[in-house]
Amino acid sequence: MPEQLVECVPNFSEGRDRATLDALRAALTSVPGVRLLDVQADTAHHRSVFTFVAPPDASVEAALRAMRVATERIDLTKHAGEHPRMGATDVVPFVPVREVTMDECVALARRLAERAAAELGIPVYLYARAATHPERERLPDVRKGEFEGLRERIGRDPAADPDFGPKRIHPTAGATAVGARPFLVAFNIYLDSADVSLAKEIARQIRTSSGGLPAVQASGFDVGGKAQVSMNLLDIDTTSPATVFAAVERAARQRGVGIIKSEVVGLIPERGIVGAAAAYLKLSNPENHMLEAKIREADGPSLDGWLDELASGTPAPGGGSAAALAGAIAAALVAMVTRLTLGRKAYAAVTERVETILREAEEARAAMRTLVELDAAAYGVVMAAYALPKDLPERGRRIDEALLEAAKTPLATAHGTARLTVLAQEMARIGNKNARSDAKVAEALARAALAGALENVRVNVAGLSEPSKGKALLEEGVRLEREVNPLA
């Protein structure tokens, strides 16, 4: 059965401070299973949009960790930007992607809302499909008055009571809306004019609430000296980006102005772009004729993509993940040699032993593959700990805890690759002689992976406030080295 996947798109009221954006990124990616797909930060709107996919439980944990960072680092009393906002973490929607229903996303939204309210002291409102009140289905209605207006109403007006959390605004982090919804596309169109009143007029004309296009929210803003029609397309199958663009272009032309460009904030399903081209070309069933889509389908997951990420300027994935990948390749080679041995009469005497090695190699391959992701995630936790305010009393303890956990991951890689070294040596002795070189390569990769993993153990222990806290980990590493190299 395919893995369950949920898309989560938390919006934070920060678009300018790089350290805070990095801390938010680190918090999200610190959870195993999270794949951060996109980050959009805008200085004029003073807002950032993070898009990630993850299994359901991981999506809640990642969102909560990022909300904690936002609560600690973002102060709405000092925040000003073009975009409406009521919280440091302004809105967190869950979207079903694969093998997940909308009802399950509603349940995830309520879990996050309850935990965030209890652990962070933030009033939380459920919106969209998760709303418990009809008047809270639309985000603009929930956010009406923004941080400052809600600060005056909450606790005095029962209509402003949150679904979870205190009946008072968080003094710096405000309030948060958490919900479940279909795919939403944030779509902006820039007019060739500095007159923001034109953008506001066009927005009023096209949005659903004014009798315009269905499933469209729209406002007008001044962004970089240009008038921007800023929209949320709530259902691109009902109203596509192409339909919206045509409507805005027509309305702008009627006012004597042109369009400079459009932009998507965050991500958009392929059909949103393909559909626009298909409509223009009057092309039917375009999805059946897309070359790249067919190639992706045939290729499956991309190793090139991971290598590009490894080669990029980001610190994770890094050496620990590369060591685990080397271990996974070593395990795959050991498994290959066993399969080239089994079923051949010349090696019938070792069949039972080779079958055992095959099972062990496949288990190691799966474990190593998981450790590739876990090592990068562990580094993310370390970075999130270092990003905590320096005057926070618990900062040192949190850093030490993160470093110890980060050291345990490569130590697990070391355990697995030490064993793989032994298995590769054994297959070189008893396995198919024509594959002996493959077994030797497996041994070399396993040794390299072991050395790389132990180096990562050492560097994490060295970062501890008291390196003695990691003494047992270092001693275990020395034992593994001696087990593989008894004469060293």
Protein backbone atom coordinates (compact mmCIF):
# COMPACT_ATOMS: atom_id res chain seq x y z
CA MET A 1 0.00 0.00 0.00
CA PRO A 2 1.43 3.44 -0.88
CA GLU A 3 2.64 5.60 2.00
CA GLN A 4 0.06 7.96 3.48
CA LEU A 5 0.94 11.56 2.71
CA VAL A 6 -0.46 14.84 3.95
CA GLU A 7 0.50 18.28 2.68
CA CYS A 8 0.87 20.93 5.37
CA VAL A 9 1.36 24.62 4.51
CA PRO A 10 2.12 26.68 7.64
CA ASN A 11 2.24 30.45 7.12
CA PHE A 12 4.43 32.49 9.47
CA SER A 13 4.46 36.24 10.05
CA GLU A 14 8.12 36.54 9.16
CA GLY A 15 9.57 37.28 5.75
CA ARG A 16 12.75 39.18 6.51
CA ASP A 17 14.89 37.64 9.26
CA ARG A 18 17.03 34.86 7.79
CA ALA A 19 17.91 33.34 11.16
CA THR A 20 14.24 32.88 12.05
CA LEU A 21 13.44 31.42 8.64
CA ASP A 22 16.35 28.97 9.02
CA ALA A 23 15.15 28.01 12.50
CA LEU A 24 11.65 27.33 11.16
CA ARG A 25 13.11 25.21 8.36
CA ALA A 26 15.24 23.25 10.85
CA ALA A 27 12.26 22.63 13.13
CA LEU A 28 10.14 21.23 10.31
CA THR A 29 12.85 19.00 8.88
CA SER A 30 13.85 17.69 12.32
CA VAL A 31 10.94 15.24 12.18
CA PRO A 32 11.69 11.97 10.34
CA GLY A 33 9.52 11.51 7.28
CA VAL A 34 9.07 15.22 6.57
CA ARG A 35 9.95 16.37 3.06
CA LEU A 36 10.16 20.15 2.79
CA LEU A 37 9.13 20.96 -0.77
CA ASP A 38 9.14 24.75 -0.91
CA VAL A 39 9.78 27.92 1.09
CA GLN A 40 8.50 31.32 -0.05
CA ALA A 41 9.42 34.41 1.95
CA ASP A 42 8.25 37.89 0.99
CA THR A 43 9.65 41.04 2.61
CA ALA A 44 6.78 43.32 1.58
CA HIS A 45 4.12 40.97 2.94
CA HIS A 46 6.51 40.13 5.83
CA ARG A 47 5.34 36.56 5.59
CA SER A 48 6.69 33.12 4.75
CA VAL A 49 4.95 30.03 3.42
CA PHE A 50 6.48 26.60 4.03
CA THR A 51 5.13 23.61 2.10
CA PHE A 52 5.95 20.09 3.23
CA VAL A 53 4.56 16.59 2.88
CA ALA A 54 4.74 13.90 5.53
CA PRO A 55 2.90 10.92 6.99
CA PRO A 56 -0.03 12.09 9.14
CA ASP A 57 1.54 11.79 12.60
CA ALA A 58 4.81 13.37 11.44
CA SER A 59 2.93 16.30 9.90
CA VAL A 60 1.39 17.21 13.27
CA GLU A 61 4.69 16.92 15.12
CA ALA A 62 6.57 18.99 12.53
CA ALA A 63 3.95 21.74 12.50
CA LEU A 64 4.01 21.91 16.30
CA ARG A 65 7.81 22.17 16.42
CA ALA A 66 7.74 25.02 13.92
CA MET A 67 4.95 26.75 15.85
CA ARG A 68 7.12 26.57 18.97
CA VAL A 69 9.98 28.30 17.13
CA ALA A 70 7.61 30.97 15.78
CA THR A 71 6.20 31.58 19.25
CA GLU A 72 9.69 32.05 20.69
CA ARG A 73 11.09 34.23 17.90
CA ILE A 74 8.29 36.29 16.33
CA ASP A 75 6.80 39.32 18.12
CA LEU A 76 3.62 40.62 16.47
CA THR A 77 3.75 43.85 18.47
CA LYS A 78 6.77 44.74 16.30
CA HIS A 79 5.43 43.29 13.05
CA ALA A 80 4.12 45.21 10.08
CA GLY A 81 3.56 43.97 6.53
CA GLU A 82 1.14 44.09 3.64
CA HIS A 83 -0.49 40.75 4.41
CA PRO A 84 -3.24 40.42 7.04
CA ARG A 85 -2.11 38.43 10.09
CA MET A 86 -3.28 37.51 13.56
CA GLY A 87 -0.50 35.18 14.69
CA ALA A 88 3.23 34.49 14.61
CA THR A 89 2.07 31.20 13.15
CA ASP A 90 -0.85 32.67 11.26
CA VAL A 91 -2.45 29.66 9.64
CA VAL A 92 -1.74 25.92 9.40
CA PRO A 93 -3.83 23.97 6.86
CA PHE A 94 -3.68 20.21 6.30
CA VAL A 95 -4.40 18.89 2.79
CA PRO A 96 -4.99 15.25 1.83
CA VAL A 97 -2.46 14.09 -0.76
CA ARG A 98 -2.30 10.28 -0.87
CA GLU A 99 -4.24 7.54 0.94
CA VAL A 100 -5.62 10.16 3.36
CA THR A 101 -9.20 11.46 3.53
CA MET A 102 -10.40 14.97 4.28
CA ASP A 103 -11.95 13.67 7.51
CA GLU A 104 -8.55 12.39 8.58
CA CYS A 105 -7.06 15.83 7.88
CA VAL A 106 -9.80 17.39 10.02
CA ALA A 107 -8.74 15.07 12.85
CA LEU A 108 -5.09 16.09 12.36
CA ALA A 109 -6.06 19.77 12.51
CA ARG A 110 -7.87 19.25 15.80
CA ARG A 111 -4.95 17.31 17.26
CA LEU A 112 -2.53 20.09 16.38
CA ALA A 113 -4.91 22.78 17.64
CA GLU A 114 -5.34 21.05 20.99
CA ARG A 115 -1.60 20.47 21.47
CA ALA A 116 -0.57 23.97 20.39
CA ALA A 117 -3.09 25.55 22.71
CA ALA A 118 -2.01 23.42 25.66
CA GLU A 119 1.75 23.49 25.12
CA LEU A 120 2.24 27.00 23.72
CA GLY A 121 -0.59 28.91 25.38
CA ILE A 122 -1.95 30.14 22.03
CA PRO A 123 -5.66 30.57 21.29
CA VAL A 124 -6.45 28.44 18.24
CA TYR A 125 -9.39 28.71 15.84
CA LEU A 126 -10.48 25.83 13.60
CA TYR A 127 -11.33 26.90 10.04
CA ALA A 128 -12.26 25.55 6.59
CA ARG A 129 -13.35 21.89 6.70
CA ALA A 130 -12.26 21.64 10.36
CA ALA A 131 -14.45 24.58 11.47
CA THR A 132 -16.86 23.93 14.32
CA HIS A 133 -18.83 27.11 13.56
CA PRO A 134 -20.15 27.98 10.06
CA GLU A 135 -18.94 31.57 10.44
CA ARG A 136 -15.37 30.33 10.80
CA GLU A 137 -15.14 28.40 7.56
CA ARG A 138 -13.59 31.36 5.70
CA LEU A 139 -10.14 32.40 6.88
CA PRO A 140 -10.74 36.16 6.32
CA ASP A 141 -13.71 35.95 8.71
CA VAL A 142 -11.60 34.25 11.36
CA ARG A 143 -8.76 36.78 10.95
CA LYS A 144 -11.00 39.86 10.78
CA GLY A 145 -9.48 42.74 12.74
CA GLU A 146 -6.10 40.99 12.72
CA PHE A 147 -3.87 40.75 15.79
CA GLU A 148 -4.72 44.18 17.15
CA GLY A 149 -8.47 43.82 16.71
CA LEU A 150 -8.59 40.31 18.12
CA ARG A 151 -6.54 41.44 21.12
CA GLU A 152 -9.38 43.78 22.04
CA ARG A 153 -12.23 41.32 21.37
CA ILE A 154 -11.04 38.01 22.75
CA GLY A 155 -12.21 37.43 26.32
CA ARG A 156 -14.90 40.10 25.98
CA ASP A 157 -16.89 38.98 22.95
CA PRO A 158 -18.10 35.34 23.14
CA ALA A 159 -18.05 35.22 19.34
CA ALA A 160 -14.27 35.57 19.57
CA ASP A 161 -13.78 32.62 21.94
CA PRO A 162 -11.19 30.20 20.47
CA ASP A 163 -11.86 26.53 19.86
CA PHE A 164 -8.84 25.66 21.98
CA GLY A 165 -6.64 27.58 24.36
CA PRO A 166 -6.97 30.65 26.57
CA LYS A 167 -9.61 33.34 26.07
CA ARG A 168 -6.87 35.91 25.78
CA ILE A 169 -4.43 36.76 23.04
CA HIS A 170 -0.85 35.54 23.36
CA PRO A 171 1.01 38.82 24.04
CA THR A 172 3.53 38.37 21.21
CA ALA A 173 2.47 35.30 19.20
CA GLY A 174 -1.21 36.25 18.81
CA ALA A 175 -3.60 33.52 17.70
CA THR A 176 -3.50 30.79 15.06
CA ALA A 177 -6.01 29.30 12.61
CA VAL A 178 -5.65 25.56 12.00
CA GLY A 179 -7.74 23.75 9.44
CA ALA A 180 -8.18 21.18 6.70
CA ARG A 181 -8.93 22.00 3.09
CA PRO A 182 -8.42 20.92 -0.53
CA PHE A 183 -5.40 22.21 -2.44
CA LEU A 184 -5.28 26.02 -2.35
CA VAL A 185 -3.19 28.04 -4.75
CA ALA A 186 -1.87 31.45 -3.70
CA PHE A 187 -1.79 33.39 -6.96
CA ASN A 188 -0.70 37.01 -7.43
CA ILE A 189 -0.97 39.24 -10.50
CA TYR A 190 1.03 42.49 -10.81
CA LEU A 191 -0.53 45.41 -12.68
CA ASP A 192 1.52 47.83 -14.70
CA SER A 193 0.51 50.62 -12.33
CA ALA A 194 1.40 51.97 -8.91
CA ASP A 195 -2.26 52.77 -8.18
CA VAL A 196 -3.24 50.18 -5.55
CA SER A 197 -6.86 51.33 -5.71
CA LEU A 198 -7.08 49.66 -9.14
CA ALA A 199 -5.94 46.35 -7.65
CA LYS A 200 -8.49 46.69 -4.86
CA GLU A 201 -11.27 47.42 -7.38
CA ILE A 202 -10.35 44.40 -9.51
CA ALA A 203 -10.08 42.17 -6.43
CA ARG A 204 -13.54 43.26 -5.33
CA GLN A 205 -14.91 42.54 -8.80
CA ILE A 206 -13.55 38.99 -9.12
CA ARG A 207 -13.83 37.54 -5.60
CA THR A 208 -16.61 35.19 -4.62
CA SER A 209 -17.86 37.28 -1.70
CA SER A 210 -18.68 40.15 -4.10
CA GLY A 211 -20.48 37.93 -6.59
CA GLY A 212 -17.44 37.29 -8.79
CA LEU A 213 -15.71 34.03 -9.61
CA PRO A 214 -16.46 30.96 -7.45
CA ALA A 215 -13.84 29.73 -4.97
CA VAL A 216 -11.72 32.90 -5.20
CA GLN A 217 -10.56 35.17 -2.40
CA ALA A 218 -8.86 38.40 -3.49
CA SER A 219 -7.36 41.62 -2.12
CA GLY A 220 -5.28 44.46 -3.51
CA PHE A 221 -1.85 45.46 -2.21
CA ASP A 222 1.08 47.75 -2.98
CA VAL A 223 4.13 45.52 -3.45
CA GLY A 224 7.42 47.08 -4.47
CA GLY A 225 5.70 50.12 -5.95
CA LYS A 226 3.34 48.06 -8.11
CA ALA A 227 -0.33 47.28 -7.59
CA GLN A 228 -0.85 43.59 -6.88
CA VAL A 229 -4.06 41.58 -7.06
CA SER A 230 -3.40 38.91 -4.43
CA MET A 231 -5.62 35.82 -4.54
CA ASN A 232 -6.27 32.48 -2.92
CA LEU A 233 -7.77 30.03 -5.40
CA LEU A 234 -9.69 27.67 -3.15
CA ASP A 235 -10.49 25.08 -5.84
CA ILE A 236 -8.56 25.22 -9.10
CA ASP A 237 -10.85 22.59 -10.61
CA THR A 238 -13.76 25.02 -10.12
CA THR A 239 -11.90 28.18 -11.10
CA SER A 240 -8.51 27.63 -12.72
CA PRO A 241 -5.56 30.05 -12.70
CA ALA A 242 -6.15 30.55 -16.44
CA THR A 243 -9.73 31.67 -15.80
CA VAL A 244 -8.62 34.04 -13.04
CA PHE A 245 -5.83 35.50 -15.15
CA ALA A 246 -8.21 36.15 -18.03
CA ALA A 247 -10.69 37.88 -15.70
CA VAL A 248 -8.04 40.10 -14.12
CA GLU A 249 -6.53 40.93 -17.51
CA ARG A 250 -9.96 41.90 -18.86
CA ALA A 251 -10.72 44.06 -15.81
CA ALA A 252 -7.31 45.74 -15.98
CA ARG A 253 -7.71 46.48 -19.69
CA GLN A 254 -11.04 48.14 -18.98
CA ARG A 255 -9.16 50.47 -16.61
CA GLY A 256 -6.44 51.21 -19.15
CA VAL A 257 -3.61 49.21 -17.54
CA GLY A 258 -1.72 46.08 -18.48
CA ILE A 259 -0.28 43.13 -16.56
CA ILE A 260 3.43 42.81 -15.81
CA LYS A 261 3.55 39.27 -14.47
CA SER A 262 1.87 36.68 -12.30
CA GLU A 263 3.34 34.47 -9.58
CA VAL A 264 2.47 31.41 -7.53
CA VAL A 265 3.33 31.55 -3.83
CA GLY A 266 4.14 28.07 -2.62
CA LEU A 267 3.26 25.15 -4.87
CA ILE A 268 0.59 24.38 -7.43
CA PRO A 269 -0.58 20.99 -8.74
CA GLU A 270 0.69 20.36 -12.26
CA ARG A 271 -2.84 20.41 -13.63
CA GLY A 272 -3.09 24.09 -12.68
CA ILE A 273 -0.35 25.00 -15.17
CA VAL A 274 -0.97 22.25 -17.71
CA GLY A 275 -4.65 23.16 -17.69
CA ALA A 276 -3.89 26.76 -18.60
CA ALA A 277 -1.78 25.71 -21.56
CA ALA A 278 -4.35 23.12 -22.60
CA ALA A 279 -7.14 25.69 -22.48
CA TYR A 280 -5.14 28.10 -24.63
CA LEU A 281 -4.28 25.36 -27.14
CA LYS A 282 -7.78 23.82 -26.96
CA LEU A 283 -6.02 20.54 -26.20
CA SER A 284 -7.97 17.63 -24.70
CA ASN A 285 -6.50 15.11 -22.20
CA PRO A 286 -3.06 16.80 -21.92
CA GLU A 287 -2.07 14.59 -18.99
CA ASN A 288 -1.91 11.59 -21.32
CA HIS A 289 0.66 13.26 -23.55
CA MET A 290 3.22 14.74 -21.12
CA LEU A 291 6.70 13.39 -21.89
CA GLU A 292 8.33 14.37 -18.59
CA ALA A 293 5.48 12.91 -16.54
CA LYS A 294 5.82 9.61 -18.35
CA ILE A 295 9.58 9.60 -17.78
CA ARG A 296 9.11 10.30 -14.04
CA GLU A 297 6.61 7.48 -13.88
CA ALA A 298 9.05 5.09 -15.53
CA ASP A 299 12.09 6.22 -13.55
CA GLY A 300 10.62 6.12 -10.08
CA PRO A 301 12.42 7.97 -7.23
CA SER A 302 15.40 10.05 -8.35
CA LEU A 303 18.89 9.42 -6.98
CA ASP A 304 20.06 12.45 -8.94
CA GLY A 305 17.71 14.64 -6.91
CA TRP A 306 19.23 13.44 -3.64
CA LEU A 307 22.77 13.92 -4.94
CA ASP A 308 21.91 17.45 -6.05
CA GLU A 309 20.66 18.14 -2.53
CA LEU A 310 23.85 16.68 -1.05
CA ALA A 311 25.96 18.86 -3.34
CA SER A 312 24.04 22.04 -2.51
CA GLY A 313 25.13 24.68 -0.01
CA THR A 314 22.84 23.40 2.73
CA PRO A 315 24.50 21.49 5.61
CA ALA A 316 22.00 18.63 5.54
CA PRO A 317 22.05 16.03 4.17
CA GLY A 318 25.77 15.78 4.90
CA GLY A 319 28.50 13.32 5.75
CA GLY A 320 26.37 11.26 8.11
CA SER A 321 23.69 10.72 5.49
CA ALA A 322 26.35 9.97 2.87
CA ALA A 323 27.88 7.35 5.20
CA ALA A 324 24.47 5.71 5.64
CA LEU A 325 23.93 5.73 1.87
CA ALA A 326 27.32 4.05 1.39
CA GLY A 327 26.16 1.46 3.90
CA ALA A 328 22.92 0.93 2.00
CA ILE A 329 24.87 0.38 -1.24
CA ALA A 330 27.19 -2.06 0.54
CA ALA A 331 24.17 -4.00 1.80
CA ALA A 332 22.66 -4.05 -1.70
CA LEU A 333 25.91 -5.44 -3.13
CA VAL A 334 26.06 -8.16 -0.47
CA ALA A 335 22.48 -9.09 -1.34
CA MET A 336 23.39 -9.17 -5.04
CA VAL A 337 26.29 -11.56 -4.44
CA THR A 338 24.07 -13.88 -2.39
CA ARG A 339 21.52 -14.01 -5.21
CA LEU A 340 24.24 -14.76 -7.73
CA THR A 341 25.27 -17.67 -5.48
CA LEU A 342 21.91 -19.22 -4.60
CA GLY A 343 20.55 -21.87 -6.97
CA ARG A 344 23.94 -22.81 -8.41
CA LYS A 345 25.05 -26.40 -7.97
CA ALA A 346 28.65 -25.46 -7.25
CA TYR A 347 27.55 -23.63 -4.10
CA ALA A 348 24.80 -25.99 -2.90
CA ALA A 349 26.72 -26.74 0.30
CA VAL A 350 26.47 -23.13 1.51
CA THR A 351 22.84 -22.52 0.49
CA GLU A 352 21.47 -22.33 4.03
CA ARG A 353 24.17 -19.90 5.19
CA VAL A 354 23.84 -17.71 2.09
CA GLU A 355 20.07 -17.50 2.56
CA THR A 356 20.66 -16.27 6.11
CA ILE A 357 23.14 -13.65 4.87
CA LEU A 358 20.65 -12.51 2.24
CA ARG A 359 17.97 -11.91 4.87
CA GLU A 360 20.44 -10.02 7.04
CA ALA A 361 21.69 -7.93 4.12
CA GLU A 362 18.17 -6.92 3.10
CA GLU A 363 17.34 -5.93 6.68
CA ALA A 364 20.53 -3.86 6.79
CA ARG A 365 19.71 -2.21 3.46
CA ALA A 366 16.31 -1.07 4.76
CA ALA A 367 17.84 0.17 8.02
CA MET A 368 20.62 2.08 6.24
CA ARG A 369 18.11 3.72 3.89
CA THR A 370 16.13 4.98 6.87
CA LEU A 371 19.30 6.27 8.53
CA VAL A 372 20.02 8.42 5.46
CA GLU A 373 16.92 10.48 6.33
CA LEU A 374 17.30 10.23 10.11
CA ASP A 375 20.81 11.67 10.07
CA ALA A 376 19.67 14.78 8.19
CA ALA A 377 16.69 15.12 10.54
CA ALA A 378 18.92 14.82 13.61
CA TYR A 379 21.09 17.65 12.31
CA GLY A 380 17.96 19.74 11.89
CA VAL A 381 17.16 19.26 15.59
CA VAL A 382 20.68 20.44 16.50
CA MET A 383 20.31 23.56 14.37
CA ALA A 384 16.90 24.29 15.91
CA ALA A 385 18.46 24.03 19.38
CA TYR A 386 21.29 26.40 18.47
CA ALA A 387 18.68 28.81 17.06
CA LEU A 388 16.99 29.18 20.45
CA PRO A 389 17.40 32.60 22.12
CA LYS A 390 20.74 32.78 23.89
CA ASP A 391 19.13 34.05 27.09
CA LEU A 392 16.81 31.05 27.32
CA PRO A 393 17.79 29.15 30.50
CA GLU A 394 17.21 25.73 28.97
CA ARG A 395 19.14 26.45 25.75
CA GLY A 396 22.32 24.64 26.84
CA ARG A 397 20.41 21.57 27.95
CA ARG A 398 18.41 21.48 24.70
CA ILE A 399 21.62 21.74 22.64
CA ASP A 400 23.26 18.89 24.59
CA GLU A 401 20.16 16.70 24.18
CA ALA A 402 20.09 17.38 20.43
CA LEU A 403 23.81 16.63 20.03
CA LEU A 404 23.51 13.35 21.94
CA GLU A 405 20.61 12.25 19.76
CA ALA A 406 22.53 13.36 16.67
CA ALA A 407 25.48 11.19 17.78
CA LYS A 408 23.27 8.12 18.27
CA THR A 409 22.14 8.12 14.62
CA PRO A 410 25.60 7.67 13.04
CA LEU A 411 26.43 5.19 15.82
CA ALA A 412 23.51 3.10 14.55
CA THR A 413 25.02 3.41 11.06
CA ALA A 414 28.36 2.26 12.49
CA HIS A 415 26.78 -0.82 14.07
CA GLY A 416 25.13 -1.78 10.79
CA THR A 417 28.18 -1.19 8.62
CA ALA A 418 30.51 -3.04 10.99
CA ARG A 419 28.28 -6.09 10.57
CA LEU A 420 28.11 -5.56 6.80
CA THR A 421 31.90 -5.58 6.64
CA VAL A 422 31.90 -9.08 8.14
CA LEU A 423 29.12 -10.30 5.83
CA ALA A 424 30.90 -8.94 2.74
CA GLN A 425 34.13 -10.70 3.76
CA GLU A 426 32.25 -13.96 4.23
CA MET A 427 30.53 -13.72 0.84
CA ALA A 428 33.89 -13.06 -0.80
CA ARG A 429 35.04 -16.41 0.66
CA ILE A 430 31.98 -18.63 0.11
CA GLY A 431 30.03 -16.87 -2.61
CA ASN A 432 30.07 -17.02 -6.38
CA LYS A 433 33.67 -16.52 -7.45
CA ASN A 434 32.56 -14.48 -10.45
CA ALA A 435 31.06 -11.91 -8.03
CA ARG A 436 34.00 -11.83 -5.62
CA SER A 437 34.99 -8.34 -6.78
CA ASP A 438 31.47 -7.13 -5.96
CA ALA A 439 31.81 -8.52 -2.44
CA LYS A 440 35.17 -6.70 -2.13
CA VAL A 441 33.56 -3.43 -3.21
CA ALA A 442 30.80 -4.02 -0.65
CA GLU A 443 33.44 -4.48 2.06
CA ALA A 444 35.26 -1.29 1.00
CA LEU A 445 32.03 0.71 1.05
CA ALA A 446 31.04 -0.70 4.44
CA ARG A 447 34.45 0.23 5.88
CA ALA A 448 34.18 3.75 4.46
CA ALA A 449 30.67 4.07 5.85
CA LEU A 450 31.86 2.91 9.26
CA ALA A 451 34.71 5.44 9.30
CA GLY A 452 32.39 8.25 8.19
CA ALA A 453 29.73 7.36 10.73
CA LEU A 454 32.22 7.26 13.62
CA GLU A 455 33.63 10.63 12.58
CA ASN A 456 30.10 12.04 12.89
CA VAL A 457 29.76 10.47 16.36
CA ARG A 458 32.98 12.16 17.43
CA VAL A 459 32.11 15.60 16.07
CA ASN A 460 28.72 15.62 17.81
CA VAL A 461 30.20 14.51 21.13
CA ALA A 462 32.89 17.19 20.82
CA GLY A 463 30.15 19.83 20.70
CA LEU A 464 28.72 18.86 24.10
CA SER A 465 29.14 21.25 27.01
CA GLU A 466 30.72 18.32 28.83
CA PRO A 467 32.20 15.77 26.39
CA SER A 468 32.12 13.18 29.20
CA LYS A 469 28.35 12.94 28.57
CA GLY A 470 29.18 11.20 25.31
CA LYS A 471 31.92 8.94 26.70
CA ALA A 472 29.86 5.76 26.35
CA LEU A 473 29.13 6.54 22.69
CA LEU A 474 32.82 7.08 21.93
CA GLU A 475 33.78 3.86 23.71
CA GLU A 476 31.22 1.95 21.67
CA GLY A 477 32.68 3.45 18.51
CA VAL A 478 36.19 2.33 19.49
CA ARG A 479 34.85 -1.18 20.15
CA LEU A 480 33.29 -1.33 16.67
CA GLU A 481 36.52 -0.16 15.05
CA ARG A 482 38.50 -2.87 16.84
CA GLU A 483 35.91 -5.49 15.94
CA VAL A 484 36.41 -4.73 12.24
CA ASN A 485 40.15 -4.00 12.47
CA PRO A 486 41.46 -6.15 15.35
CA LEU A 487 45.10 -5.30 14.58
CA ALA A 488 44.55 -1.52 14.43
